């Protein structure tokens, strides 16, 4: 049996990306990172890790893989993340009455904040 242990994302500035994701998710470095690589894990308890590796690849405007962050206070969470450096993405692919907001981290990596109370 296998399970997801770490999601890996590219970054041109690994330290900047790590600072954002540590604050956004309440994560810490599993071990001291370098300018090229760091693995972040939850401060408390189990959870999927987020690894950041130096990459010169351009950000995908419509990524094939992205993170979904779940919240029952979506708008407050979006504002908090924007205060940490995230930006709203002008997303043309929203369905009618979406339960998600598309943001980008300071490196431009897209992610969504899902409203867990939507429709229920």
PDB file of N, CA and C in Angstrom:
ATOM      1  N   UNK A   1       0.854  -1.184   0.000  1.00  0.00           N
ATOM      2  CA  UNK A   1       0.000   0.000   0.000  1.00  0.00           C
ATOM      3  C   UNK A   1       0.895   1.240   0.000  1.00  0.00           C
ATOM      4  N   UNK A   2       0.484   2.261  -0.720  1.00  0.00           N
ATOM      5  CA  UNK A   2       1.217   3.518  -0.749  1.00  0.00           C
ATOM      6  C   UNK A   2       0.296   4.652  -0.317  1.00  0.00           C
ATOM      7  N   UNK A   3       0.896   5.771   0.035  1.00  0.00           N
ATOM      8  CA  UNK A   3       0.127   6.967   0.359  1.00  0.00           C
ATOM      9  C   UNK A   3       0.948   8.188  -0.053  1.00  0.00           C
ATOM     10  N   UNK A   4       0.316   9.320  -0.200  1.00  0.00           N
ATOM     11  CA  UNK A   4       1.017  10.547  -0.563  1.00  0.00           C
ATOM     12  C   UNK A   4       1.747  11.050   0.658  1.00  0.00           C
ATOM     13  N   UNK A   5       3.045  11.200   0.536  1.00  0.00           N
ATOM     14  CA  UNK A   5       3.860  11.692   1.642  1.00  0.00           C
ATOM     15  C   UNK A   5       4.223  13.145   1.485  1.00  0.00           C
ATOM     16  N   UNK A   6       4.544  13.541   0.229  1.00  0.00           N
ATOM     17  CA  UNK A   6       4.989  14.903  -0.028  1.00  0.00           C
ATOM     18  C   UNK A   6       4.513  15.347  -1.403  1.00  0.00           C
ATOM     19  N   UNK A   7       4.020  16.560  -1.471  1.00  0.00           N
ATOM     20  CA  UNK A   7       3.708  17.210  -2.735  1.00  0.00           C
ATOM     21  C   UNK A   7       4.880  18.134  -3.028  1.00  0.00           C
ATOM     22  N   UNK A   8       5.429  18.072  -4.241  1.00  0.00           N
ATOM     23  CA  UNK A   8       6.607  18.851  -4.596  1.00  0.00           C
ATOM     24  C   UNK A   8       6.209  19.966  -5.563  1.00  0.00           C
ATOM     25  N   UNK A   9       6.675  21.174  -5.273  1.00  0.00           N
ATOM     26  CA  UNK A   9       6.423  22.323  -6.138  1.00  0.00           C
ATOM     27  C   UNK A   9       7.741  22.996  -6.484  1.00  0.00           C
ATOM     28  N   UNK A  10       7.794  23.598  -7.644  1.00  0.00           N
ATOM     29  CA  UNK A  10       8.970  24.340  -8.064  1.00  0.00           C
ATOM     30  C   UNK A  10       8.912  25.774  -7.571  1.00  0.00           C
ATOM     31  N   UNK A  11      10.083  26.362  -7.417  1.00  0.00           N
ATOM     32  CA  UNK A  11      10.192  27.756  -6.976  1.00  0.00           C
ATOM     33  C   UNK A  11      11.511  28.330  -7.478  1.00  0.00           C
ATOM     34  N   UNK A  12      11.476  29.582  -7.890  1.00  0.00           N
ATOM     35  CA  UNK A  12      12.738  30.232  -8.249  1.00  0.00           C
ATOM     36  C   UNK A  12      13.464  30.706  -7.003  1.00  0.00           C
ATOM     37  N   UNK A  13      12.705  31.027  -5.957  1.00  0.00           N
ATOM     38  CA  UNK A  13      13.268  31.462  -4.674  1.00  0.00           C
ATOM     39  C   UNK A  13      12.708  30.539  -3.591  1.00  0.00           C
ATOM     40  N   UNK A  14      13.436  29.479  -3.301  1.00  0.00           N
ATOM     41  CA  UNK A  14      12.968  28.456  -2.363  1.00  0.00           C
ATOM     42  C   UNK A  14      12.711  29.046  -0.980  1.00  0.00           C
ATOM     43  N   UNK A  15      13.562  29.927  -0.515  1.00  0.00           N
ATOM     44  CA  UNK A  15      13.378  30.523   0.817  1.00  0.00           C
ATOM     45  C   UNK A  15      12.090  31.329   0.895  1.00  0.00           C
ATOM     46  N   UNK A  16      11.807  32.140  -0.141  1.00  0.00           N
ATOM     47  CA  UNK A  16      10.574  32.938  -0.161  1.00  0.00           C
ATOM     48  C   UNK A  16       9.354  32.035  -0.187  1.00  0.00           C
ATOM     49  N   UNK A  17       9.391  31.007  -1.025  1.00  0.00           N
ATOM     50  CA  UNK A  17       8.269  30.087  -1.108  1.00  0.00           C
ATOM     51  C   UNK A  17       8.077  29.352   0.215  1.00  0.00           C
ATOM     52  N   UNK A  18       9.168  28.927   0.842  1.00  0.00           N
ATOM     53  CA  UNK A  18       9.071  28.224   2.127  1.00  0.00           C
ATOM     54  C   UNK A  18       8.467  29.123   3.197  1.00  0.00           C
ATOM     55  N   UNK A  19       8.873  30.380   3.237  1.00  0.00           N
ATOM     56  CA  UNK A  19       8.321  31.310   4.234  1.00  0.00           C
ATOM     57  C   UNK A  19       6.807  31.433   4.061  1.00  0.00           C
ATOM     58  N   UNK A  20       6.342  31.542   2.813  1.00  0.00           N
ATOM     59  CA  UNK A  20       4.906  31.645   2.567  1.00  0.00           C
ATOM     60  C   UNK A  20       4.176  30.385   3.026  1.00  0.00           C
ATOM     61  N   UNK A  21       4.625  29.209   2.575  1.00  0.00           N
ATOM     62  CA  UNK A  21       3.910  27.978   2.886  1.00  0.00           C
ATOM     63  C   UNK A  21       4.003  27.598   4.360  1.00  0.00           C
ATOM     64  N   UNK A  22       5.106  27.927   5.023  1.00  0.00           N
ATOM     65  CA  UNK A  22       5.186  27.672   6.477  1.00  0.00           C
ATOM     66  C   UNK A  22       4.120  28.490   7.203  1.00  0.00           C
ATOM     67  N   UNK A  23       3.968  29.753   6.837  1.00  0.00           N
ATOM     68  CA  UNK A  23       2.963  30.601   7.483  1.00  0.00           C
ATOM     69  C   UNK A  23       1.549  30.205   7.068  1.00  0.00           C
ATOM     70  N   UNK A  24       1.362  29.882   5.797  1.00  0.00           N
ATOM     71  CA  UNK A  24       0.033  29.541   5.293  1.00  0.00           C
ATOM     72  C   UNK A  24      -0.518  28.274   5.927  1.00  0.00           C
ATOM     73  N   UNK A  25       0.338  27.272   6.119  1.00  0.00           N
ATOM     74  CA  UNK A  25      -0.119  25.950   6.568  1.00  0.00           C
ATOM     75  C   UNK A  25       0.263  25.600   8.001  1.00  0.00           C
ATOM     76  N   UNK A  26       0.965  26.483   8.694  1.00  0.00           N
ATOM     77  CA  UNK A  26       1.529  26.188  10.009  1.00  0.00           C
ATOM     78  C   UNK A  26       2.426  24.954   9.906  1.00  0.00           C
ATOM     79  N   UNK A  27       3.372  25.025   8.996  1.00  0.00           N
ATOM     80  CA  UNK A  27       4.352  23.977   8.758  1.00  0.00           C
ATOM     81  C   UNK A  27       5.726  24.441   9.225  1.00  0.00           C
ATOM     82  N   UNK A  28       6.638  23.509   9.308  1.00  0.00           N
ATOM     83  CA  UNK A  28       8.019  23.803   9.668  1.00  0.00           C
ATOM     84  C   UNK A  28       8.939  22.972   8.773  1.00  0.00           C
ATOM     85  N   UNK A  29      10.207  23.299   8.765  1.00  0.00           N
ATOM     86  CA  UNK A  29      11.159  22.521   7.983  1.00  0.00           C
ATOM     87  C   UNK A  29      11.411  21.177   8.666  1.00  0.00           C
ATOM     88  N   UNK A  30      11.333  20.111   7.890  1.00  0.00           N
ATOM     89  CA  UNK A  30      11.614  18.774   8.429  1.00  0.00           C
ATOM     90  C   UNK A  30      13.062  18.701   8.898  1.00  0.00           C
ATOM     91  N   UNK A  31      13.943  19.300   8.132  1.00  0.00           N
ATOM     92  CA  UNK A  31      15.363  19.449   8.467  1.00  0.00           C
ATOM     93  C   UNK A  31      15.798  20.745   7.794  1.00  0.00           C
ATOM     94  N   UNK A  32      16.917  21.304   8.173  1.00  0.00           N
ATOM     95  CA  UNK A  32      17.320  22.573   7.572  1.00  0.00           C
ATOM     96  C   UNK A  32      17.355  22.490   6.043  1.00  0.00           C
ATOM     97  N   UNK A  33      16.728  23.461   5.409  1.00  0.00           N
ATOM     98  CA  UNK A  33      16.688  23.502   3.957  1.00  0.00           C
ATOM     99  C   UNK A  33      17.936  24.144   3.377  1.00  0.00           C
ATOM    100  N   UNK A  34      18.010  24.121   2.056  1.00  0.00           N
ATOM    101  CA  UNK A  34      19.099  24.772   1.335  1.00  0.00           C
ATOM    102  C   UNK A  34      18.479  25.781   0.368  1.00  0.00           C
ATOM    103  N   UNK A  35      19.298  26.450  -0.395  1.00  0.00           N
ATOM    104  CA  UNK A  35      18.791  27.374  -1.405  1.00  0.00           C
ATOM    105  C   UNK A  35      18.077  26.637  -2.533  1.00  0.00           C
ATOM    106  N   UNK A  36      18.290  25.317  -2.619  1.00  0.00           N
ATOM    107  CA  UNK A  36      17.724  24.520  -3.704  1.00  0.00           C
ATOM    108  C   UNK A  36      16.575  23.603  -3.301  1.00  0.00           C
ATOM    109  N   UNK A  37      16.438  23.311  -1.998  1.00  0.00           N
ATOM    110  CA  UNK A  37      15.474  22.269  -1.603  1.00  0.00           C
ATOM    111  C   UNK A  37      15.094  22.406  -0.138  1.00  0.00           C
ATOM    112  N   UNK A  38      13.816  22.209   0.153  1.00  0.00           N
ATOM    113  CA  UNK A  38      13.351  22.134   1.532  1.00  0.00           C
ATOM    114  C   UNK A  38      12.078  21.282   1.559  1.00  0.00           C
ATOM    115  N   UNK A  39      11.900  20.528   2.636  1.00  0.00           N
ATOM    116  CA  UNK A  39      10.679  19.761   2.851  1.00  0.00           C
ATOM    117  C   UNK A  39      10.005  20.335   4.087  1.00  0.00           C
ATOM    118  N   UNK A  40       8.745  20.707   3.929  1.00  0.00           N
ATOM    119  CA  UNK A  40       7.961  21.258   5.031  1.00  0.00           C
ATOM    120  C   UNK A  40       6.961  20.221   5.507  1.00  0.00           C
ATOM    121  N   UNK A  41       6.755  20.183   6.825  1.00  0.00           N
ATOM    122  CA  UNK A  41       5.825  19.233   7.437  1.00  0.00           C
ATOM    123  C   UNK A  41       4.990  19.973   8.480  1.00  0.00           C
ATOM    124  N   UNK A  42       3.837  19.407   8.855  1.00  0.00           N
ATOM    125  CA  UNK A  42       3.023  20.065   9.875  1.00  0.00           C
ATOM    126  C   UNK A  42       3.797  20.251  11.180  1.00  0.00           C
ATOM    127  N   UNK A  43       3.564  21.385  11.826  1.00  0.00           N
ATOM    128  CA  UNK A  43       4.187  21.641  13.131  1.00  0.00           C
ATOM    129  C   UNK A  43       3.714  20.598  14.129  1.00  0.00           C
ATOM    130  N   UNK A  44       2.425  20.266  14.087  1.00  0.00           N
ATOM    131  CA  UNK A  44       1.864  19.278  15.015  1.00  0.00           C
ATOM    132  C   UNK A  44       1.096  18.224  14.241  1.00  0.00           C
ATOM    133  N   UNK A  45       1.304  16.988  14.592  1.00  0.00           N
ATOM    134  CA  UNK A  45       0.523  15.898  14.037  1.00  0.00           C
ATOM    135  C   UNK A  45       0.950  15.478  12.653  1.00  0.00           C
ATOM    136  N   UNK A  46       0.281  14.449  12.151  1.00  0.00           N
ATOM    137  CA  UNK A  46       0.617  13.932  10.829  1.00  0.00           C
ATOM    138  C   UNK A  46       0.032  14.812   9.729  1.00  0.00           C
ATOM    139  N   UNK A  47       0.502  14.607   8.536  1.00  0.00           N
ATOM    140  CA  UNK A  47      -0.026  15.332   7.388  1.00  0.00           C
ATOM    141  C   UNK A  47       0.911  15.214   6.206  1.00  0.00           C
ATOM    142  N   UNK A  48       0.416  15.571   5.070  1.00  0.00           N
ATOM    143  CA  UNK A  48       1.189  15.533   3.837  1.00  0.00           C
ATOM    144  C   UNK A  48       2.234  16.637   3.863  1.00  0.00           C
ATOM    145  N   UNK A  49       3.453  16.299   3.486  1.00  0.00           N
ATOM    146  CA  UNK A  49       4.507  17.289   3.404  1.00  0.00           C
ATOM    147  C   UNK A  49       4.422  18.089   2.117  1.00  0.00           C
ATOM    148  N   UNK A  50       5.042  19.267   2.137  1.00  0.00           N
ATOM    149  CA  UNK A  50       5.173  20.101   0.943  1.00  0.00           C
ATOM    150  C   UNK A  50       6.659  20.338   0.747  1.00  0.00           C
ATOM    151  N   UNK A  51       7.173  19.918  -0.402  1.00  0.00           N
ATOM    152  CA  UNK A  51       8.579  20.134  -0.712  1.00  0.00           C
ATOM    153  C   UNK A  51       8.684  21.210  -1.780  1.00  0.00           C
ATOM    154  N   UNK A  52       9.709  22.021  -1.658  1.00  0.00           N
ATOM    155  CA  UNK A  52       9.960  23.088  -2.615  1.00  0.00           C
ATOM    156  C   UNK A  52      11.350  22.899  -3.179  1.00  0.00           C
ATOM    157  N   UNK A  53      11.435  22.811  -4.490  1.00  0.00           N
ATOM    158  CA  UNK A  53      12.712  22.636  -5.154  1.00  0.00           C
ATOM    159  C   UNK A  53      12.960  23.741  -6.156  1.00  0.00           C
ATOM    160  N   UNK A  54      14.200  24.162  -6.245  1.00  0.00           N
ATOM    161  CA  UNK A  54      14.538  25.233  -7.189  1.00  0.00           C
ATOM    162  C   UNK A  54      14.187  24.779  -8.599  1.00  0.00           C
ATOM    163  N   UNK A  55      13.526  25.672  -9.327  1.00  0.00           N
ATOM    164  CA  UNK A  55      13.106  25.370 -10.688  1.00  0.00           C
ATOM    165  C   UNK A  55      13.152  26.636 -11.528  1.00  0.00           C
ATOM    166  N   UNK A  56      13.625  26.494 -12.737  1.00  0.00           N
ATOM    167  CA  UNK A  56      13.624  27.597 -13.686  1.00  0.00           C
ATOM    168  C   UNK A  56      12.444  27.482 -14.652  1.00  0.00           C
ATOM    169  N   UNK A  57      11.643  26.441 -14.498  1.00  0.00           N
ATOM    170  CA  UNK A  57      10.480  26.250 -15.368  1.00  0.00           C
ATOM    171  C   UNK A  57       9.458  27.348 -15.128  1.00  0.00           C
ATOM    172  N   UNK A  58       8.805  27.813 -16.175  1.00  0.00           N
ATOM    173  CA  UNK A  58       7.763  28.817 -15.980  1.00  0.00           C
ATOM    174  C   UNK A  58       6.546  28.209 -15.272  1.00  0.00           C
ATOM    175  N   UNK A  59       5.834  29.041 -14.548  1.00  0.00           N
ATOM    176  CA  UNK A  59       4.614  28.608 -13.861  1.00  0.00           C
ATOM    177  C   UNK A  59       3.557  28.281 -14.911  1.00  0.00           C
ATOM    178  N   UNK A  60       2.823  27.209 -14.691  1.00  0.00           N
ATOM    179  CA  UNK A  60       1.714  26.861 -15.578  1.00  0.00           C
ATOM    180  C   UNK A  60       0.494  27.687 -15.205  1.00  0.00           C
ATOM    181  N   UNK A  61      -0.060  28.400 -16.162  1.00  0.00           N
ATOM    182  CA  UNK A  61      -1.240  29.213 -15.869  1.00  0.00           C
ATOM    183  C   UNK A  61      -2.445  28.357 -15.532  1.00  0.00           C
ATOM    184  N   UNK A  62      -2.551  27.203 -16.148  1.00  0.00           N
ATOM    185  CA  UNK A  62      -3.587  26.226 -15.810  1.00  0.00           C
ATOM    186  C   UNK A  62      -2.838  24.940 -15.456  1.00  0.00           C
ATOM    187  N   UNK A  63      -2.433  24.821 -14.180  1.00  0.00           N
ATOM    188  CA  UNK A  63      -1.593  23.685 -13.788  1.00  0.00           C
ATOM    189  C   UNK A  63      -2.345  22.367 -13.851  1.00  0.00           C
ATOM    190  N   UNK A  64      -1.601  21.346 -14.162  1.00  0.00           N
ATOM    191  CA  UNK A  64      -2.191  20.008 -14.187  1.00  0.00           C
ATOM    192  C   UNK A  64      -2.357  19.457 -12.775  1.00  0.00           C
ATOM    193  N   UNK A  65      -1.528  19.921 -11.848  1.00  0.00           N
ATOM    194  CA  UNK A  65      -1.611  19.511 -10.448  1.00  0.00           C
ATOM    195  C   UNK A  65      -1.543  20.778  -9.612  1.00  0.00           C
ATOM    196  N   UNK A  66      -2.359  20.839  -8.580  1.00  0.00           N
ATOM    197  CA  UNK A  66      -2.326  21.989  -7.672  1.00  0.00           C
ATOM    198  C   UNK A  66      -2.821  21.560  -6.295  1.00  0.00           C
ATOM    199  N   UNK A  67      -2.642  22.439  -5.309  1.00  0.00           N
ATOM    200  CA  UNK A  67      -3.125  22.171  -3.957  1.00  0.00           C
ATOM    201  C   UNK A  67      -4.528  22.739  -3.786  1.00  0.00           C
ATOM    202  N   UNK A  68      -5.390  22.009  -3.091  1.00  0.00           N
ATOM    203  CA  UNK A  68      -6.684  22.509  -2.638  1.00  0.00           C
ATOM    204  C   UNK A  68      -6.604  22.627  -1.121  1.00  0.00           C
ATOM    205  N   UNK A  69      -6.853  23.822  -0.616  1.00  0.00           N
ATOM    206  CA  UNK A  69      -6.890  24.062   0.824  1.00  0.00           C
ATOM    207  C   UNK A  69      -8.357  24.186   1.225  1.00  0.00           C
ATOM    208  N   UNK A  70      -8.786  23.433   2.230  1.00  0.00           N
ATOM    209  CA  UNK A  70     -10.180  23.402   2.658  1.00  0.00           C
ATOM    210  C   UNK A  70     -10.380  24.322   3.859  1.00  0.00           C
ATOM    211  N   UNK A  71     -11.487  25.084   3.834  1.00  0.00           N
ATOM    212  CA  UNK A  71     -11.794  25.975   4.942  1.00  0.00           C
ATOM    213  C   UNK A  71     -13.303  26.173   5.051  1.00  0.00           C
ATOM    214  N   UNK A  72     -13.783  26.253   6.293  1.00  0.00           N
ATOM    215  CA  UNK A  72     -15.189  26.605   6.497  1.00  0.00           C
ATOM    216  C   UNK A  72     -15.348  28.114   6.676  1.00  0.00           C
ATOM    217  N   UNK A  73     -14.262  28.853   6.525  1.00  0.00           N
ATOM    218  CA  UNK A  73     -14.275  30.320   6.542  1.00  0.00           C
ATOM    219  C   UNK A  73     -13.457  30.815   5.347  1.00  0.00           C
ATOM    220  N   UNK A  74     -13.953  30.503   4.159  1.00  0.00           N
ATOM    221  CA  UNK A  74     -13.195  30.725   2.942  1.00  0.00           C
ATOM    222  C   UNK A  74     -12.720  32.163   2.772  1.00  0.00           C
ATOM    223  N   UNK A  75     -13.620  33.138   2.871  1.00  0.00           N
ATOM    224  CA  UNK A  75     -13.221  34.524   2.603  1.00  0.00           C
ATOM    225  C   UNK A  75     -12.176  35.007   3.596  1.00  0.00           C
ATOM    226  N   UNK A  76     -12.316  34.656   4.870  1.00  0.00           N
ATOM    227  CA  UNK A  76     -11.314  35.043   5.867  1.00  0.00           C
ATOM    228  C   UNK A  76      -9.975  34.382   5.560  1.00  0.00           C
ATOM    229  N   UNK A  77     -10.009  33.138   5.118  1.00  0.00           N
ATOM    230  CA  UNK A  77      -8.774  32.428   4.788  1.00  0.00           C
ATOM    231  C   UNK A  77      -8.116  33.020   3.550  1.00  0.00           C
ATOM    232  N   UNK A  78      -8.906  33.374   2.559  1.00  0.00           N
ATOM    233  CA  UNK A  78      -8.369  34.023   1.362  1.00  0.00           C
ATOM    234  C   UNK A  78      -7.682  35.333   1.754  1.00  0.00           C
ATOM    235  N   UNK A  79      -8.314  36.123   2.590  1.00  0.00           N
ATOM    236  CA  UNK A  79      -7.722  37.391   3.023  1.00  0.00           C
ATOM    237  C   UNK A  79      -6.428  37.157   3.809  1.00  0.00           C
ATOM    238  N   UNK A  80      -6.413  36.148   4.669  1.00  0.00           N
ATOM    239  CA  UNK A  80      -5.206  35.841   5.440  1.00  0.00           C
ATOM    240  C   UNK A  80      -4.061  35.452   4.511  1.00  0.00           C
ATOM    241  N   UNK A  81      -4.358  34.592   3.548  1.00  0.00           N
ATOM    242  CA  UNK A  81      -3.330  34.143   2.616  1.00  0.00           C
ATOM    243  C   UNK A  81      -2.829  35.292   1.742  1.00  0.00           C
ATOM    244  N   UNK A  82      -3.727  36.181   1.352  1.00  0.00           N
ATOM    245  CA  UNK A  82      -3.302  37.344   0.581  1.00  0.00           C
ATOM    246  C   UNK A  82      -2.420  38.255   1.428  1.00  0.00           C
ATOM    247  N   UNK A  83      -2.697  38.338   2.713  1.00  0.00           N
ATOM    248  CA  UNK A  83      -1.847  39.106   3.615  1.00  0.00           C
ATOM    249  C   UNK A  83      -0.448  38.521   3.740  1.00  0.00           C
ATOM    250  N   UNK A  84      -0.325  37.213   3.463  1.00  0.00           N
ATOM    251  CA  UNK A  84       0.982  36.544   3.504  1.00  0.00           C
ATOM    252  C   UNK A  84       1.728  36.651   2.174  1.00  0.00           C
ATOM    253  N   UNK A  85       1.054  37.160   1.149  1.00  0.00           N
ATOM    254  CA  UNK A  85       1.717  37.326  -0.143  1.00  0.00           C
ATOM    255  C   UNK A  85       1.055  36.632  -1.312  1.00  0.00           C
ATOM    256  N   UNK A  86      -0.037  35.906  -1.077  1.00  0.00           N
ATOM    257  CA  UNK A  86      -0.760  35.273  -2.192  1.00  0.00           C
ATOM    258  C   UNK A  86      -1.487  36.358  -2.984  1.00  0.00           C
ATOM    259  N   UNK A  87      -1.808  36.045  -4.217  1.00  0.00           N
ATOM    260  CA  UNK A  87      -2.576  36.959  -5.064  1.00  0.00           C
ATOM    261  C   UNK A  87      -3.736  36.207  -5.698  1.00  0.00           C
ATOM    262  N   UNK A  88      -4.857  36.923  -5.880  1.00  0.00           N
ATOM    263  CA  UNK A  88      -5.981  36.335  -6.610  1.00  0.00           C
ATOM    264  C   UNK A  88      -5.582  36.167  -8.066  1.00  0.00           C
ATOM    265  N   UNK A  89      -6.054  35.087  -8.668  1.00  0.00           N
ATOM    266  CA  UNK A  89      -5.784  34.812 -10.069  1.00  0.00           C
ATOM    267  C   UNK A  89      -7.057  35.103 -10.861  1.00  0.00           C
ATOM    268  N   UNK A  90      -6.913  35.840 -11.951  1.00  0.00           N
ATOM    269  CA  UNK A  90      -8.049  36.071 -12.849  1.00  0.00           C
ATOM    270  C   UNK A  90      -8.327  34.746 -13.563  1.00  0.00           C
ATOM    271  N   UNK A  91      -9.270  33.991 -13.043  1.00  0.00           N
ATOM    272  CA  UNK A  91      -9.515  32.619 -13.488  1.00  0.00           C
ATOM    273  C   UNK A  91     -10.750  32.593 -14.371  1.00  0.00           C
ATOM    274  N   UNK A  92     -10.565  32.315 -15.640  1.00  0.00           N
ATOM    275  CA  UNK A  92     -11.673  32.312 -16.600  1.00  0.00           C
ATOM    276  C   UNK A  92     -12.451  31.005 -16.595  1.00  0.00           C
ATOM    277  N   UNK A  93     -11.986  30.029 -15.853  1.00  0.00           N
ATOM    278  CA  UNK A  93     -12.604  28.702 -15.886  1.00  0.00           C
ATOM    279  C   UNK A  93     -13.545  28.423 -14.711  1.00  0.00           C
ATOM    280  N   UNK A  94     -13.914  29.478 -13.953  1.00  0.00           N
ATOM    281  CA  UNK A  94     -14.850  29.261 -12.847  1.00  0.00           C
ATOM    282  C   UNK A  94     -16.182  28.756 -13.389  1.00  0.00           C
ATOM    283  N   UNK A  95     -16.744  27.740 -12.743  1.00  0.00           N
ATOM    284  CA  UNK A  95     -18.098  27.318 -13.097  1.00  0.00           C
ATOM    285  C   UNK A  95     -19.102  28.285 -12.463  1.00  0.00           C
ATOM    286  N   UNK A  96     -20.376  28.176 -12.838  1.00  0.00           N
ATOM    287  CA  UNK A  96     -21.371  28.977 -12.124  1.00  0.00           C
ATOM    288  C   UNK A  96     -21.379  28.570 -10.643  1.00  0.00           C
ATOM    289  N   UNK A  97     -21.486  29.527  -9.759  1.00  0.00           N
ATOM    290  CA  UNK A  97     -21.549  29.285  -8.318  1.00  0.00           C
ATOM    291  C   UNK A  97     -20.395  28.410  -7.811  1.00  0.00           C
ATOM    292  N   UNK A  98     -19.156  28.844  -8.006  1.00  0.00           N
ATOM    293  CA  UNK A  98     -18.006  28.016  -7.594  1.00  0.00           C
ATOM    294  C   UNK A  98     -17.879  27.927  -6.077  1.00  0.00           C
ATOM    295  N   UNK A  99     -17.307  26.816  -5.619  1.00  0.00           N
ATOM    296  CA  UNK A  99     -17.014  26.648  -4.197  1.00  0.00           C
ATOM    297  C   UNK A  99     -15.536  26.918  -3.913  1.00  0.00           C
ATOM    298  N   UNK A 100     -14.797  27.429  -4.902  1.00  0.00           N
ATOM    299  CA  UNK A 100     -13.360  27.642  -4.751  1.00  0.00           C
ATOM    300  C   UNK A 100     -12.949  29.021  -5.261  1.00  0.00           C
ATOM    301  N   UNK A 101     -11.822  29.488  -4.714  1.00  0.00           N
ATOM    302  CA  UNK A 101     -11.174  30.714  -5.164  1.00  0.00           C
ATOM    303  C   UNK A 101      -9.754  30.331  -5.565  1.00  0.00           C
ATOM    304  N   UNK A 102      -9.321  30.786  -6.721  1.00  0.00           N
ATOM    305  CA  UNK A 102      -7.977  30.478  -7.204  1.00  0.00           C
ATOM    306  C   UNK A 102      -7.018  31.593  -6.787  1.00  0.00           C
ATOM    307  N   UNK A 103      -5.947  31.188  -6.122  1.00  0.00           N
ATOM    308  CA  UNK A 103      -4.896  32.109  -5.703  1.00  0.00           C
ATOM    309  C   UNK A 103      -3.567  31.618  -6.269  1.00  0.00           C
ATOM    310  N   UNK A 104      -2.549  32.475  -6.178  1.00  0.00           N
ATOM    311  CA  UNK A 104      -1.186  32.090  -6.528  1.00  0.00           C
ATOM    312  C   UNK A 104      -0.288  32.464  -5.368  1.00  0.00           C
ATOM    313  N   UNK A 105       0.664  31.581  -5.058  1.00  0.00           N
ATOM    314  CA  UNK A 105       1.637  31.894  -4.009  1.00  0.00           C
ATOM    315  C   UNK A 105       2.632  32.930  -4.543  1.00  0.00           C
ATOM    316  N   UNK A 106       3.551  33.424  -3.726  1.00  0.00           N
ATOM    317  CA  UNK A 106       4.491  34.444  -4.203  1.00  0.00           C
ATOM    318  C   UNK A 106       5.354  33.996  -5.392  1.00  0.00           C
ATOM    319  N   UNK A 107       5.421  32.703  -5.648  1.00  0.00           N
ATOM    320  CA  UNK A 107       6.161  32.179  -6.789  1.00  0.00           C
ATOM    321  C   UNK A 107       5.278  32.022  -8.021  1.00  0.00           C
ATOM    322  N   UNK A 108       3.977  32.263  -7.867  1.00  0.00           N
ATOM    323  CA  UNK A 108       3.047  32.123  -8.977  1.00  0.00           C
ATOM    324  C   UNK A 108       2.366  30.775  -9.064  1.00  0.00           C
ATOM    325  N   UNK A 109       2.700  29.838  -8.162  1.00  0.00           N
ATOM    326  CA  UNK A 109       2.052  28.523  -8.157  1.00  0.00           C
ATOM    327  C   UNK A 109       0.590  28.673  -7.782  1.00  0.00           C
ATOM    328  N   UNK A 110      -0.293  28.173  -8.630  1.00  0.00           N
ATOM    329  CA  UNK A 110      -1.735  28.268  -8.375  1.00  0.00           C
ATOM    330  C   UNK A 110      -2.155  27.271  -7.309  1.00  0.00           C
ATOM    331  N   UNK A 111      -3.142  27.685  -6.505  1.00  0.00           N
ATOM    332  CA  UNK A 111      -3.781  26.792  -5.546  1.00  0.00           C
ATOM    333  C   UNK A 111      -5.185  27.301  -5.304  1.00  0.00           C
ATOM    334  N   UNK A 112      -6.028  26.476  -4.732  1.00  0.00           N
ATOM    335  CA  UNK A 112      -7.424  26.846  -4.501  1.00  0.00           C
ATOM    336  C   UNK A 112      -7.747  26.813  -3.018  1.00  0.00           C
ATOM    337  N   UNK A 113      -8.647  27.706  -2.626  1.00  0.00           N
ATOM    338  CA  UNK A 113      -9.221  27.675  -1.289  1.00  0.00           C
ATOM    339  C   UNK A 113     -10.677  27.263  -1.477  1.00  0.00           C
ATOM    340  N   UNK A 114     -11.008  26.103  -0.937  1.00  0.00           N
ATOM    341  CA  UNK A 114     -12.329  25.503  -1.102  1.00  0.00           C
ATOM    342  C   UNK A 114     -13.205  25.866   0.099  1.00  0.00           C
ATOM    343  N   UNK A 115     -14.437  26.288  -0.192  1.00  0.00           N
ATOM    344  CA  UNK A 115     -15.413  26.593   0.856  1.00  0.00           C
ATOM    345  C   UNK A 115     -16.142  25.305   1.213  1.00  0.00           C
ATOM    346  N   UNK A 116     -15.811  24.753   2.379  1.00  0.00           N
ATOM    347  CA  UNK A 116     -16.393  23.470   2.790  1.00  0.00           C
ATOM    348  C   UNK A 116     -17.855  23.597   3.205  1.00  0.00           C
ATOM    349  N   UNK A 117     -18.361  24.823   3.348  1.00  0.00           N
ATOM    350  CA  UNK A 117     -19.768  25.010   3.703  1.00  0.00           C
ATOM    351  C   UNK A 117     -20.639  25.271   2.483  1.00  0.00           C
ATOM    352  N   UNK A 118     -20.039  25.339   1.315  1.00  0.00           N
ATOM    353  CA  UNK A 118     -20.758  25.657   0.085  1.00  0.00           C
ATOM    354  C   UNK A 118     -21.805  24.600  -0.235  1.00  0.00           C
ATOM    355  N   UNK A 119     -23.007  25.062  -0.480  1.00  0.00           N
ATOM    356  CA  UNK A 119     -24.069  24.154  -0.896  1.00  0.00           C
ATOM    357  C   UNK A 119     -24.614  23.255   0.195  1.00  0.00           C
ATOM    358  N   UNK A 120     -24.186  23.503   1.419  1.00  0.00           N
ATOM    359  CA  UNK A 120     -24.643  22.586   2.455  1.00  0.00           C
ATOM    360  C   UNK A 120     -25.060  23.231   3.642  1.00  0.00           C
TER     361      UNK A 120
END
